[in-house]
Amino acid sequence: MLNPWQCVKVFMEEYFYHCPYCFTEVSLLVDLSVSEQEYIEDCERCCNPIQFSIQVNGNQEIEAFSAEPIGQ
């Protein structure tokens, strides 16, 4: 009998980047099951908003990543 946990595939990857405001290296969990992603999330250190654009290829690898400041 198979253990149900053996059938679970992980589609999340921790990706490290530098905040465009405070230049601290921080990490973000990227959902590798979604090929194109755009969203806004605050830096966990300085709390400024960052626009993320992420592309994931068919092999579930991050193909393009950008973290841009949002003009306020």
C-alpha atoms as a PDB file:
ATOM      1  CA  MET A   1       0.000   0.000   0.000  1.00  0.00           C
ATOM      2  CA  LEU A   2       1.281   3.447  -0.935  1.00  0.00           C
ATOM      3  CA  ASN A   3       1.752   6.111   1.653  1.00  0.00           C
ATOM      4  CA  PRO A   4      -0.359   9.129   0.505  1.00  0.00           C
ATOM      5  CA  TRP A   5       2.575  11.456   1.233  1.00  0.00           C
ATOM      6  CA  GLN A   6       4.727   9.643  -1.338  1.00  0.00           C
ATOM      7  CA  CYS A   7       2.433  10.803  -4.144  1.00  0.00           C
ATOM      8  CA  VAL A   8       2.644  14.527  -3.350  1.00  0.00           C
ATOM      9  CA  LYS A   9       4.770  16.578  -5.748  1.00  0.00           C
ATOM     10  CA  VAL A  10       6.203  19.823  -4.492  1.00  0.00           C
ATOM     11  CA  PHE A  11       5.731  22.741  -6.876  1.00  0.00           C
ATOM     12  CA  MET A  12       7.148  25.455  -4.616  1.00  0.00           C
ATOM     13  CA  GLU A  13      10.711  26.754  -4.707  1.00  0.00           C
ATOM     14  CA  GLU A  14      12.444  29.268  -2.484  1.00  0.00           C
ATOM     15  CA  TYR A  15      14.007  31.994  -4.640  1.00  0.00           C
ATOM     16  CA  PHE A  16      16.459  34.570  -3.280  1.00  0.00           C
ATOM     17  CA  TYR A  17      16.583  38.146  -4.584  1.00  0.00           C
ATOM     18  CA  HIS A  18      17.693  41.607  -3.430  1.00  0.00           C
ATOM     19  CA  CYS A  19      15.042  44.100  -2.384  1.00  0.00           C
ATOM     20  CA  PRO A  20      15.107  47.096  -4.765  1.00  0.00           C
ATOM     21  CA  TYR A  21      14.619  49.448  -1.787  1.00  0.00           C
ATOM     22  CA  CYS A  22      16.805  48.220   1.101  1.00  0.00           C
ATOM     23  CA  PHE A  23      19.064  45.888  -0.979  1.00  0.00           C
ATOM     24  CA  THR A  24      18.728  43.108   1.601  1.00  0.00           C
ATOM     25  CA  GLU A  25      18.757  39.552   0.282  1.00  0.00           C
ATOM     26  CA  VAL A  26      15.345  38.069   1.009  1.00  0.00           C
ATOM     27  CA  SER A  27      13.506  35.005  -0.239  1.00  0.00           C
ATOM     28  CA  LEU A  28      10.182  34.330  -1.849  1.00  0.00           C
ATOM     29  CA  LEU A  29       8.295  31.076  -2.372  1.00  0.00           C
ATOM     30  CA  VAL A  30       7.524  30.633  -6.073  1.00  0.00           C
ATOM     31  CA  ASP A  31       4.698  28.360  -7.218  1.00  0.00           C
ATOM     32  CA  LEU A  32       6.291  26.344 -10.048  1.00  0.00           C
ATOM     33  CA  SER A  33       2.915  25.058 -11.271  1.00  0.00           C
ATOM     34  CA  VAL A  34       1.984  28.524 -12.654  1.00  0.00           C
ATOM     35  CA  SER A  35       3.857  29.498 -15.831  1.00  0.00           C
ATOM     36  CA  GLU A  36       3.367  33.297 -15.716  1.00  0.00           C
ATOM     37  CA  GLN A  37       2.934  35.254 -12.514  1.00  0.00           C
ATOM     38  CA  GLU A  38       2.699  38.948 -11.674  1.00  0.00           C
ATOM     39  CA  TYR A  39       1.867  40.246  -8.237  1.00  0.00           C
ATOM     40  CA  ILE A  40       2.807  42.761  -5.562  1.00  0.00           C
ATOM     41  CA  GLU A  41       4.237  41.781  -2.195  1.00  0.00           C
ATOM     42  CA  ASP A  42       5.920  43.801   0.541  1.00  0.00           C
ATOM     43  CA  CYS A  43       9.587  43.309   1.410  1.00  0.00           C
ATOM     44  CA  GLU A  44       9.734  41.327   4.638  1.00  0.00           C
ATOM     45  CA  ARG A  45      12.452  43.636   6.005  1.00  0.00           C
ATOM     46  CA  CYS A  46      11.586  47.212   4.948  1.00  0.00           C
ATOM     47  CA  CYS A  47       7.869  46.676   4.117  1.00  0.00           C
ATOM     48  CA  ASN A  48       8.004  48.553   0.790  1.00  0.00           C
ATOM     49  CA  PRO A  49       5.878  47.138  -2.073  1.00  0.00           C
ATOM     50  CA  ILE A  50       7.634  45.169  -4.817  1.00  0.00           C
ATOM     51  CA  GLN A  51       6.200  44.210  -8.227  1.00  0.00           C
ATOM     52  CA  PHE A  52       7.184  40.616  -9.080  1.00  0.00           C
ATOM     53  CA  SER A  53       7.142  39.153 -12.584  1.00  0.00           C
ATOM     54  CA  ILE A  54       8.007  35.462 -12.811  1.00  0.00           C
ATOM     55  CA  GLN A  55       8.053  32.994 -15.705  1.00  0.00           C
ATOM     56  CA  VAL A  56       8.326  29.241 -15.174  1.00  0.00           C
ATOM     57  CA  ASN A  57       9.141  26.852 -18.037  1.00  0.00           C
ATOM     58  CA  GLY A  58       7.630  23.427 -18.762  1.00  0.00           C
ATOM     59  CA  ASN A  59      10.308  21.711 -16.650  1.00  0.00           C
ATOM     60  CA  GLN A  60       9.113  23.684 -13.618  1.00  0.00           C
ATOM     61  CA  GLU A  61      12.249  25.840 -13.543  1.00  0.00           C
ATOM     62  CA  ILE A  62      12.276  29.601 -13.060  1.00  0.00           C
ATOM     63  CA  GLU A  63      13.077  31.044 -16.467  1.00  0.00           C
ATOM     64  CA  ALA A  64      12.728  34.791 -15.729  1.00  0.00           C
ATOM     65  CA  PHE A  65      12.423  36.724 -12.474  1.00  0.00           C
ATOM     66  CA  SER A  66      12.176  40.442 -11.792  1.00  0.00           C
ATOM     67  CA  ALA A  67      11.565  42.364  -8.584  1.00  0.00           C
ATOM     68  CA  GLU A  68      10.905  46.052  -9.320  1.00  0.00           C
ATOM     69  CA  PRO A  69      10.088  48.963  -7.015  1.00  0.00           C
ATOM     70  CA  ILE A  70       6.645  50.502  -7.329  1.00  0.00           C
ATOM     71  CA  GLY A  71       6.726  54.259  -7.800  1.00  0.00           C
ATOM     72  CA  GLN A  72       4.846  55.968  -4.994  1.00  0.00           C
END
